[in-house]
Amino acid sequence: MALIPGKINPREIEKVLNKMFSPEWLRETAAKVGYVQRNRKIDPVTFFWVLVLGFGVGLQRT
């Protein structure tokens, strides 16, 4: 089991995630698989992060 540090810097998490899934790589991959036909309204990078980070939001009810 991984040890979780007491203080996690959100900027460090952001840097690691952007290094793993760089915007350039996401755009290139989206073009290769046919997601992007024309660059217009929906940015593939924004779509990716909304899809990835949005799954945990619905689990908590207020």
PDB file of N, CA and C in Angstrom:
ATOM      1  N   MET A   1       0.848  -1.175   0.000  1.00  0.00           N
ATOM      2  CA  MET A   1       0.000   0.000   0.000  1.00  0.00           C
ATOM      3  C   MET A   1       0.896   1.242   0.000  1.00  0.00           C
ATOM      4  N   ALA A   2       0.520   2.215  -0.816  1.00  0.00           N
ATOM      5  CA  ALA A   2       1.315   3.431  -0.938  1.00  0.00           C
ATOM      6  C   ALA A   2       1.091   4.351   0.255  1.00  0.00           C
ATOM      7  N   LEU A   3       2.159   4.980   0.681  1.00  0.00           N
ATOM      8  CA  LEU A   3       2.091   5.921   1.783  1.00  0.00           C
ATOM      9  C   LEU A   3       1.679   7.288   1.256  1.00  0.00           C
ATOM     10  N   ILE A   4       0.645   7.889   1.846  1.00  0.00           N
ATOM     11  CA  ILE A   4       0.144   9.188   1.404  1.00  0.00           C
ATOM     12  C   ILE A   4       0.761  10.270   2.285  1.00  0.00           C
ATOM     13  N   PRO A   5       1.430  11.240   1.665  1.00  0.00           N
ATOM     14  CA  PRO A   5       2.034  12.304   2.470  1.00  0.00           C
ATOM     15  C   PRO A   5       0.964  13.194   3.101  1.00  0.00           C
ATOM     16  N   GLY A   6       1.334  13.879   4.154  1.00  0.00           N
ATOM     17  CA  GLY A   6       0.400  14.734   4.877  1.00  0.00           C
ATOM     18  C   GLY A   6      -0.091  15.913   4.063  1.00  0.00           C
ATOM     19  N   LYS A   7       0.801  16.552   3.337  1.00  0.00           N
ATOM     20  CA  LYS A   7       0.421  17.709   2.532  1.00  0.00           C
ATOM     21  C   LYS A   7       0.732  17.421   1.071  1.00  0.00           C
ATOM     22  N   ILE A   8      -0.300  17.457   0.250  1.00  0.00           N
ATOM     23  CA  ILE A   8      -0.141  17.233  -1.182  1.00  0.00           C
ATOM     24  C   ILE A   8      -0.305  18.568  -1.882  1.00  0.00           C
ATOM     25  N   ASN A   9       0.679  18.911  -2.677  1.00  0.00           N
ATOM     26  CA  ASN A   9       0.643  20.153  -3.426  1.00  0.00           C
ATOM     27  C   ASN A   9      -0.173  19.941  -4.701  1.00  0.00           C
ATOM     28  N   PRO A  10      -1.301  20.635  -4.857  1.00  0.00           N
ATOM     29  CA  PRO A  10      -2.120  20.454  -6.065  1.00  0.00           C
ATOM     30  C   PRO A  10      -1.372  20.799  -7.349  1.00  0.00           C
ATOM     31  N   ARG A  11      -0.460  21.737  -7.287  1.00  0.00           N
ATOM     32  CA  ARG A  11       0.317  22.104  -8.479  1.00  0.00           C
ATOM     33  C   ARG A  11       1.224  20.958  -8.914  1.00  0.00           C
ATOM     34  N   GLU A  12       1.730  20.206  -7.950  1.00  0.00           N
ATOM     35  CA  GLU A  12       2.587  19.066  -8.277  1.00  0.00           C
ATOM     36  C   GLU A  12       1.775  17.967  -8.959  1.00  0.00           C
ATOM     37  N   ILE A  13       0.573  17.740  -8.484  1.00  0.00           N
ATOM     38  CA  ILE A  13      -0.315  16.761  -9.121  1.00  0.00           C
ATOM     39  C   ILE A  13      -0.635  17.202 -10.543  1.00  0.00           C
ATOM     40  N   GLU A  14      -0.918  18.468 -10.708  1.00  0.00           N
ATOM     41  CA  GLU A  14      -1.219  19.007 -12.037  1.00  0.00           C
ATOM     42  C   GLU A  14      -0.035  18.829 -12.982  1.00  0.00           C
ATOM     43  N   LYS A  15       1.179  19.091 -12.495  1.00  0.00           N
ATOM     44  CA  LYS A  15       2.372  18.951 -13.328  1.00  0.00           C
ATOM     45  C   LYS A  15       2.583  17.502 -13.751  1.00  0.00           C
ATOM     46  N   VAL A  16       2.380  16.582 -12.819  1.00  0.00           N
ATOM     47  CA  VAL A  16       2.573  15.162 -13.134  1.00  0.00           C
ATOM     48  C   VAL A  16       1.536  14.694 -14.150  1.00  0.00           C
ATOM     49  N   LEU A  17       0.280  15.080 -13.955  1.00  0.00           N
ATOM     50  CA  LEU A  17      -0.765  14.678 -14.896  1.00  0.00           C
ATOM     51  C   LEU A  17      -0.533  15.276 -16.280  1.00  0.00           C
ATOM     52  N   ASN A  18      -0.095  16.533 -16.339  1.00  0.00           N
ATOM     53  CA  ASN A  18       0.195  17.148 -17.629  1.00  0.00           C
ATOM     54  C   ASN A  18       1.415  16.533 -18.301  1.00  0.00           C
ATOM     55  N   LYS A  19       2.315  16.001 -17.494  1.00  0.00           N
ATOM     56  CA  LYS A  19       3.467  15.314 -18.070  1.00  0.00           C
ATOM     57  C   LYS A  19       3.043  13.957 -18.635  1.00  0.00           C
ATOM     58  N   MET A  20       2.147  13.282 -17.927  1.00  0.00           N
ATOM     59  CA  MET A  20       1.655  11.981 -18.389  1.00  0.00           C
ATOM     60  C   MET A  20       0.796  12.122 -19.643  1.00  0.00           C
ATOM     61  N   PHE A  21      -0.082  13.119 -19.639  1.00  0.00           N
ATOM     62  CA  PHE A  21      -1.013  13.344 -20.746  1.00  0.00           C
ATOM     63  C   PHE A  21      -0.841  14.783 -21.228  1.00  0.00           C
ATOM     64  N   SER A  22       0.203  15.026 -21.987  1.00  0.00           N
ATOM     65  CA  SER A  22       0.472  16.382 -22.446  1.00  0.00           C
ATOM     66  C   SER A  22      -0.595  16.816 -23.451  1.00  0.00           C
ATOM     67  N   PRO A  23      -0.913  18.104 -23.482  1.00  0.00           N
ATOM     68  CA  PRO A  23      -1.910  18.596 -24.439  1.00  0.00           C
ATOM     69  C   PRO A  23      -1.547  18.281 -25.892  1.00  0.00           C
ATOM     70  N   GLU A  24      -0.268  18.344 -26.224  1.00  0.00           N
ATOM     71  CA  GLU A  24       0.158  18.036 -27.582  1.00  0.00           C
ATOM     72  C   GLU A  24      -0.139  16.581 -27.928  1.00  0.00           C
ATOM     73  N   TRP A  25       0.179  15.681 -26.999  1.00  0.00           N
ATOM     74  CA  TRP A  25      -0.077  14.253 -27.217  1.00  0.00           C
ATOM     75  C   TRP A  25      -1.571  13.980 -27.333  1.00  0.00           C
ATOM     76  N   LEU A  26      -2.372  14.616 -26.483  1.00  0.00           N
ATOM     77  CA  LEU A  26      -3.820  14.418 -26.542  1.00  0.00           C
ATOM     78  C   LEU A  26      -4.383  14.883 -27.883  1.00  0.00           C
ATOM     79  N   ARG A  27      -3.943  16.037 -28.361  1.00  0.00           N
ATOM     80  CA  ARG A  27      -4.435  16.554 -29.653  1.00  0.00           C
ATOM     81  C   ARG A  27      -3.992  15.653 -30.810  1.00  0.00           C
ATOM     82  N   GLU A  28      -2.743  15.206 -30.785  1.00  0.00           N
ATOM     83  CA  GLU A  28      -2.244  14.312 -31.837  1.00  0.00           C
ATOM     84  C   GLU A  28      -3.012  12.991 -31.839  1.00  0.00           C
ATOM     85  N   THR A  29      -3.227  12.430 -30.673  1.00  0.00           N
ATOM     86  CA  THR A  29      -3.940  11.165 -30.563  1.00  0.00           C
ATOM     87  C   THR A  29      -5.393  11.310 -30.992  1.00  0.00           C
ATOM     88  N   ALA A  30      -6.021  12.422 -30.624  1.00  0.00           N
ATOM     89  CA  ALA A  30      -7.404  12.665 -31.033  1.00  0.00           C
ATOM     90  C   ALA A  30      -7.505  12.751 -32.551  1.00  0.00           C
ATOM     91  N   ALA A  31      -6.534  13.358 -33.194  1.00  0.00           N
ATOM     92  CA  ALA A  31      -6.544  13.446 -34.658  1.00  0.00           C
ATOM     93  C   ALA A  31      -6.304  12.074 -35.296  1.00  0.00           C
ATOM     94  N   LYS A  32      -5.403  11.277 -34.706  1.00  0.00           N
ATOM     95  CA  LYS A  32      -5.089   9.956 -35.259  1.00  0.00           C
ATOM     96  C   LYS A  32      -6.286   9.012 -35.195  1.00  0.00           C
ATOM     97  N   VAL A  33      -7.026   9.036 -34.098  1.00  0.00           N
ATOM     98  CA  VAL A  33      -8.142   8.099 -33.934  1.00  0.00           C
ATOM     99  C   VAL A  33      -9.423   8.604 -34.578  1.00  0.00           C
ATOM    100  N   GLY A  34      -9.423   9.820 -35.102  1.00  0.00           N
ATOM    101  CA  GLY A  34     -10.575  10.337 -35.802  1.00  0.00           C
ATOM    102  C   GLY A  34     -11.560  11.111 -34.959  1.00  0.00           C
ATOM    103  N   TYR A  35     -11.195  11.426 -33.718  1.00  0.00           N
ATOM    104  CA  TYR A  35     -12.082  12.227 -32.861  1.00  0.00           C
ATOM    105  C   TYR A  35     -12.214  13.643 -33.418  1.00  0.00           C
ATOM    106  N   VAL A  36     -11.116  14.189 -33.897  1.00  0.00           N
ATOM    107  CA  VAL A  36     -11.114  15.559 -34.414  1.00  0.00           C
ATOM    108  C   VAL A  36     -11.125  15.502 -35.931  1.00  0.00           C
ATOM    109  N   GLN A  37     -12.159  16.077 -36.508  1.00  0.00           N
ATOM    110  CA  GLN A  37     -12.194  16.235 -37.959  1.00  0.00           C
ATOM    111  C   GLN A  37     -11.887  17.688 -38.319  1.00  0.00           C
ATOM    112  N   ARG A  38     -12.391  18.608 -37.504  1.00  0.00           N
ATOM    113  CA  ARG A  38     -12.120  20.032 -37.650  1.00  0.00           C
ATOM    114  C   ARG A  38     -11.965  20.613 -36.246  1.00  0.00           C
ATOM    115  N   ASN A  39     -11.058  21.548 -36.066  1.00  0.00           N
ATOM    116  CA  ASN A  39     -10.908  22.207 -34.769  1.00  0.00           C
ATOM    117  C   ASN A  39     -11.928  23.331 -34.689  1.00  0.00           C
ATOM    118  N   ARG A  40     -12.952  23.101 -33.911  1.00  0.00           N
ATOM    119  CA  ARG A  40     -13.990  24.114 -33.781  1.00  0.00           C
ATOM    120  C   ARG A  40     -14.304  24.370 -32.322  1.00  0.00           C
ATOM    121  N   LYS A  41     -15.418  23.821 -31.849  1.00  0.00           N
ATOM    122  CA  LYS A  41     -15.932  24.189 -30.533  1.00  0.00           C
ATOM    123  C   LYS A  41     -15.372  23.359 -29.377  1.00  0.00           C
ATOM    124  N   ILE A  42     -15.213  22.073 -29.565  1.00  0.00           N
ATOM    125  CA  ILE A  42     -14.812  21.201 -28.457  1.00  0.00           C
ATOM    126  C   ILE A  42     -13.332  20.866 -28.575  1.00  0.00           C
ATOM    127  N   ASP A  43     -12.567  21.339 -27.619  1.00  0.00           N
ATOM    128  CA  ASP A  43     -11.136  21.054 -27.575  1.00  0.00           C
ATOM    129  C   ASP A  43     -10.940  19.643 -27.020  1.00  0.00           C
ATOM    130  N   PRO A  44     -10.187  18.781 -27.697  1.00  0.00           N
ATOM    131  CA  PRO A  44     -10.002  17.419 -27.204  1.00  0.00           C
ATOM    132  C   PRO A  44      -9.329  17.352 -25.835  1.00  0.00           C
ATOM    133  N   VAL A  45      -8.465  18.312 -25.527  1.00  0.00           N
ATOM    134  CA  VAL A  45      -7.796  18.325 -24.223  1.00  0.00           C
ATOM    135  C   VAL A  45      -8.814  18.607 -23.113  1.00  0.00           C
ATOM    136  N   THR A  46      -9.642  19.600 -23.319  1.00  0.00           N
ATOM    137  CA  THR A  46     -10.672  19.933 -22.329  1.00  0.00           C
ATOM    138  C   THR A  46     -11.650  18.781 -22.178  1.00  0.00           C
ATOM    139  N   PHE A  47     -12.062  18.193 -23.283  1.00  0.00           N
ATOM    140  CA  PHE A  47     -12.980  17.066 -23.246  1.00  0.00           C
ATOM    141  C   PHE A  47     -12.390  15.906 -22.449  1.00  0.00           C
ATOM    142  N   PHE A  48     -11.115  15.611 -22.679  1.00  0.00           N
ATOM    143  CA  PHE A  48     -10.439  14.521 -21.966  1.00  0.00           C
ATOM    144  C   PHE A  48     -10.453  14.754 -20.458  1.00  0.00           C
ATOM    145  N   TRP A  49     -10.061  15.965 -20.021  1.00  0.00           N
ATOM    146  CA  TRP A  49      -9.971  16.218 -18.586  1.00  0.00           C
ATOM    147  C   TRP A  49     -11.345  16.269 -17.927  1.00  0.00           C
ATOM    148  N   VAL A  50     -12.350  16.781 -18.625  1.00  0.00           N
ATOM    149  CA  VAL A  50     -13.709  16.774 -18.064  1.00  0.00           C
ATOM    150  C   VAL A  50     -14.188  15.341 -17.909  1.00  0.00           C
ATOM    151  N   LEU A  51     -13.918  14.515 -18.895  1.00  0.00           N
ATOM    152  CA  LEU A  51     -14.327  13.116 -18.829  1.00  0.00           C
ATOM    153  C   LEU A  51     -13.603  12.373 -17.716  1.00  0.00           C
ATOM    154  N   VAL A  52     -12.302  12.563 -17.623  1.00  0.00           N
ATOM    155  CA  VAL A  52     -11.500  11.843 -16.620  1.00  0.00           C
ATOM    156  C   VAL A  52     -11.806  12.311 -15.202  1.00  0.00           C
ATOM    157  N   LEU A  53     -11.834  13.616 -14.990  1.00  0.00           N
ATOM    158  CA  LEU A  53     -12.003  14.138 -13.633  1.00  0.00           C
ATOM    159  C   LEU A  53     -13.463  14.244 -13.208  1.00  0.00           C
ATOM    160  N   GLY A  54     -14.388  14.125 -14.127  1.00  0.00           N
ATOM    161  CA  GLY A  54     -15.799  14.276 -13.794  1.00  0.00           C
ATOM    162  C   GLY A  54     -16.449  13.042 -13.220  1.00  0.00           C
ATOM    163  N   PHE A  55     -15.811  11.868 -13.305  1.00  0.00           N
ATOM    164  CA  PHE A  55     -16.443  10.645 -12.842  1.00  0.00           C
ATOM    165  C   PHE A  55     -16.648  10.606 -11.333  1.00  0.00           C
ATOM    166  N   GLY A  56     -15.756  11.155 -10.550  1.00  0.00           N
ATOM    167  CA  GLY A  56     -15.857  11.081  -9.099  1.00  0.00           C
ATOM    168  C   GLY A  56     -16.845  12.069  -8.496  1.00  0.00           C
ATOM    169  N   VAL A  57     -17.307  13.020  -9.271  1.00  0.00           N
ATOM    170  CA  VAL A  57     -18.160  14.083  -8.731  1.00  0.00           C
ATOM    171  C   VAL A  57     -19.533  13.559  -8.351  1.00  0.00           C
ATOM    172  N   GLY A  58     -20.095  12.683  -9.141  1.00  0.00           N
ATOM    173  CA  GLY A  58     -21.455  12.203  -8.900  1.00  0.00           C
ATOM    174  C   GLY A  58     -21.600  11.257  -7.730  1.00  0.00           C
ATOM    175  N   LEU A  59     -20.501  10.833  -7.137  1.00  0.00           N
ATOM    176  CA  LEU A  59     -20.565   9.869  -6.050  1.00  0.00           C
ATOM    177  C   LEU A  59     -21.032  10.492  -4.743  1.00  0.00           C
ATOM    178  N   GLN A  60     -20.794  11.770  -4.548  1.00  0.00           N
ATOM    179  CA  GLN A  60     -21.172  12.439  -3.307  1.00  0.00           C
ATOM    180  C   GLN A  60     -22.455  13.215  -3.519  1.00  0.00           C
ATOM    181  N   ARG A  61     -23.408  13.002  -2.652  1.00  0.00           N
ATOM    182  CA  ARG A  61     -24.663  13.706  -2.733  1.00  0.00           C
ATOM    183  C   ARG A  61     -24.741  14.734  -1.612  1.00  0.00           C
ATOM    184  N   THR A  62     -25.317  15.883  -1.907  1.00  0.00           N
ATOM    185  CA  THR A  62     -25.455  16.903  -0.874  1.00  0.00           C
ATOM    186  C   THR A  62     -26.910  17.115  -0.532  1.00  0.00           C
TER     187      THR A  62
END
